[in-house]
Protein backbone atom coordinates (compact mmCIF):
# COMPACT_ATOMS: atom_id res chain seq x y z
CA MET A 1 -7.33 18.15 -25.62
CA ALA A 2 -4.07 16.37 -26.77
CA ARG A 3 -1.17 16.49 -24.71
CA GLY A 4 2.41 15.70 -25.13
CA PRO A 5 4.20 12.60 -23.61
CA ARG A 6 4.46 12.98 -19.97
CA PRO A 7 8.26 13.81 -18.95
CA ASP A 8 8.10 10.56 -16.70
CA HIS A 9 6.59 8.45 -19.22
CA LEU A 10 8.95 7.62 -22.42
CA PRO A 11 7.44 7.06 -25.84
CA GLY A 12 7.59 3.51 -26.84
CA ARG A 13 8.49 2.21 -23.67
CA GLY A 14 5.05 1.24 -22.68
CA ASP A 15 4.78 0.61 -19.02
CA ALA A 16 7.58 -1.99 -18.93
CA LEU A 17 9.84 -1.73 -16.16
CA THR A 18 13.69 -1.53 -16.67
CA SER A 19 15.95 -4.28 -14.74
CA ARG A 20 16.91 -1.36 -12.24
CA GLU A 21 13.47 -0.64 -11.71
CA ARG A 22 12.71 -4.18 -11.00
CA SER A 23 15.42 -4.71 -8.52
CA LEU A 24 14.65 -1.12 -6.52
CA LEU A 25 10.63 -2.60 -6.57
CA ALA A 26 11.91 -6.06 -5.36
CA VAL A 27 14.49 -4.68 -2.62
CA LEU A 28 11.56 -2.13 -1.22
CA LEU A 29 8.91 -4.69 -1.40
CA ALA A 30 10.93 -7.02 0.96
CA LEU A 31 12.25 -4.20 2.77
CA GLY A 32 8.80 -3.34 4.42
CA PRO A 33 8.21 -6.97 5.62
CA ALA A 34 11.82 -7.43 6.85
CA VAL A 35 11.68 -4.33 8.97
CA TRP A 36 7.97 -5.41 10.23
CA VAL A 37 9.34 -9.11 11.31
CA GLY A 38 12.67 -7.68 12.34
CA ILE A 39 11.34 -5.07 14.88
CA SER A 40 8.43 -7.60 15.96
CA ALA A 41 11.26 -10.56 16.62
CA TRP A 42 14.04 -7.63 18.39
CA THR A 43 11.36 -6.06 20.81
CA GLY A 44 9.00 -9.09 21.48
CA ARG A 45 5.99 -7.32 20.60
CA ARG A 46 3.22 -8.77 18.38
CA GLU A 47 2.84 -5.85 16.09
CA ALA A 48 5.99 -3.52 15.15
CA PHE A 49 4.38 -0.42 15.01
CA ASP A 50 3.36 -0.81 18.72
CA THR A 51 7.23 0.16 19.48
CA GLY A 52 9.11 3.01 19.51
CA ALA A 53 11.71 1.23 17.20
CA TYR A 54 9.39 1.07 14.36
CA PHE A 55 9.32 4.95 14.58
CA SER A 56 12.71 5.64 15.27
CA LEU A 57 14.23 2.95 13.36
CA GLY A 58 12.18 1.30 11.11
CA LEU A 59 10.21 4.04 9.28
CA PRO A 60 13.42 6.35 8.84
CA LEU A 61 15.15 3.31 7.36
CA MET A 62 12.37 2.69 4.47
CA ALA A 63 12.27 6.34 3.96
CA LEU A 64 15.72 6.58 3.33
CA ALA A 65 15.40 3.37 1.10
CA SER A 66 12.71 5.32 -0.85
CA ALA A 67 14.64 8.07 -1.14
CA VAL A 68 17.66 6.56 -2.73
CA ALA A 69 15.12 4.81 -5.31
CA GLY A 70 13.75 8.24 -6.39
CA TYR A 71 17.04 9.94 -6.55
CA LEU A 72 18.00 6.69 -8.79
CA GLU A 73 14.72 6.58 -10.91
CA PRO A 74 12.79 9.58 -10.53
CA ALA A 75 9.88 9.03 -13.17
CA ARG A 76 6.94 8.02 -11.08
CA ALA A 77 8.72 8.50 -7.48
CA TRP A 78 5.34 7.62 -5.91
CA ARG A 79 6.07 3.99 -6.20
CA TRP A 80 9.27 3.74 -4.41
CA GLY A 81 7.42 5.48 -1.39
CA LEU A 82 4.24 2.95 -1.62
CA ALA A 83 6.63 -0.23 -2.19
CA PRO A 84 7.88 -0.86 1.58
CA MET A 85 4.31 -0.42 2.95
CA ALA A 86 2.72 -2.42 0.44
CA LEU A 87 3.63 -5.96 1.80
CA GLN A 88 3.44 -4.74 5.53
CA PRO A 89 -0.23 -5.84 6.17
CA ALA A 90 0.63 -9.27 5.04
CA ALA A 91 3.25 -9.20 7.40
CA LEU A 92 1.07 -8.01 9.99
CA LEU A 93 -1.45 -11.01 9.31
CA VAL A 94 1.47 -13.66 8.82
CA TRP A 95 3.86 -12.39 11.80
CA SER A 96 1.44 -10.91 14.47
CA SER A 97 -1.99 -12.01 14.25
CA HIS A 98 -0.93 -15.65 12.60
CA GLY A 99 -3.41 -15.40 9.91
CA GLU A 100 -6.25 -14.14 12.04
CA ILE A 101 -8.16 -10.80 10.58
CA GLY A 102 -8.90 -9.04 13.68
CA ASN A 103 -11.76 -6.36 14.17
CA LEU A 104 -8.95 -3.40 13.81
CA PHE A 105 -7.60 -4.81 10.51
CA PRO A 106 -9.06 -1.93 8.44
CA LEU A 107 -8.21 0.50 10.93
CA GLY A 108 -4.63 -1.17 10.84
CA LEU A 109 -4.61 -0.54 6.98
CA ALA A 110 -5.55 2.88 7.25
CA ALA A 111 -2.74 3.19 9.94
CA PHE A 112 -0.35 1.88 7.03
CA ALA A 113 -1.65 4.43 4.44
CA VAL A 114 -1.14 7.16 6.76
CA LEU A 115 2.81 5.75 7.61
CA SER A 116 3.09 5.55 3.92
CA VAL A 117 3.48 9.54 3.77
CA PRO A 118 7.02 9.99 5.08
CA GLY A 119 8.27 7.39 2.19
CA LEU A 120 6.28 9.26 -0.16
CA ILE A 121 7.62 12.55 0.77
CA ALA A 122 11.16 10.90 0.55
CA ALA A 123 10.83 9.53 -2.62
CA TYR A 124 9.64 12.61 -3.92
CA LEU A 125 12.52 14.55 -2.57
CA GLY A 126 14.78 12.23 -3.42
CA ALA A 127 13.53 12.32 -7.33
CA PHE A 128 13.84 15.98 -7.21
CA ILE A 129 17.57 15.70 -6.11
CA GLY A 130 18.05 13.07 -8.82
CA ARG A 131 16.52 15.47 -11.49
CA ARG A 132 18.60 18.27 -10.38
CA THR A 133 21.50 16.54 -10.36
CA ALA A 134 21.36 14.31 -13.71
CA PRO A 135 23.91 15.27 -16.33
């Protein structure tokens, strides 16, 4: 059954990102590890999600950034919610465990997947508001 073009996928555009999308993606990809390293350094803990600051400051900051990105670029909003979490496992390996993969690393990956949910919700909410307020 043939369907029309998806509203979030413009005909002829292909899968290329606009320069604004690339910029938003770069900022969000950098924000995740920056939050991880910053909170780890500030609290002196090896793993940022072992601190209350990660949940009271880090996650809300990343969710807010995802919401703003969703508002600015509502198409495929899921990417804005996942981007801040995408490189946090790498930050965990480099900063916290100095490149060693421990027995709990798979559990940590699952935790990052669960922790990406607030960012996903925020990105979709931002996209919803962005579509409603668009001229």
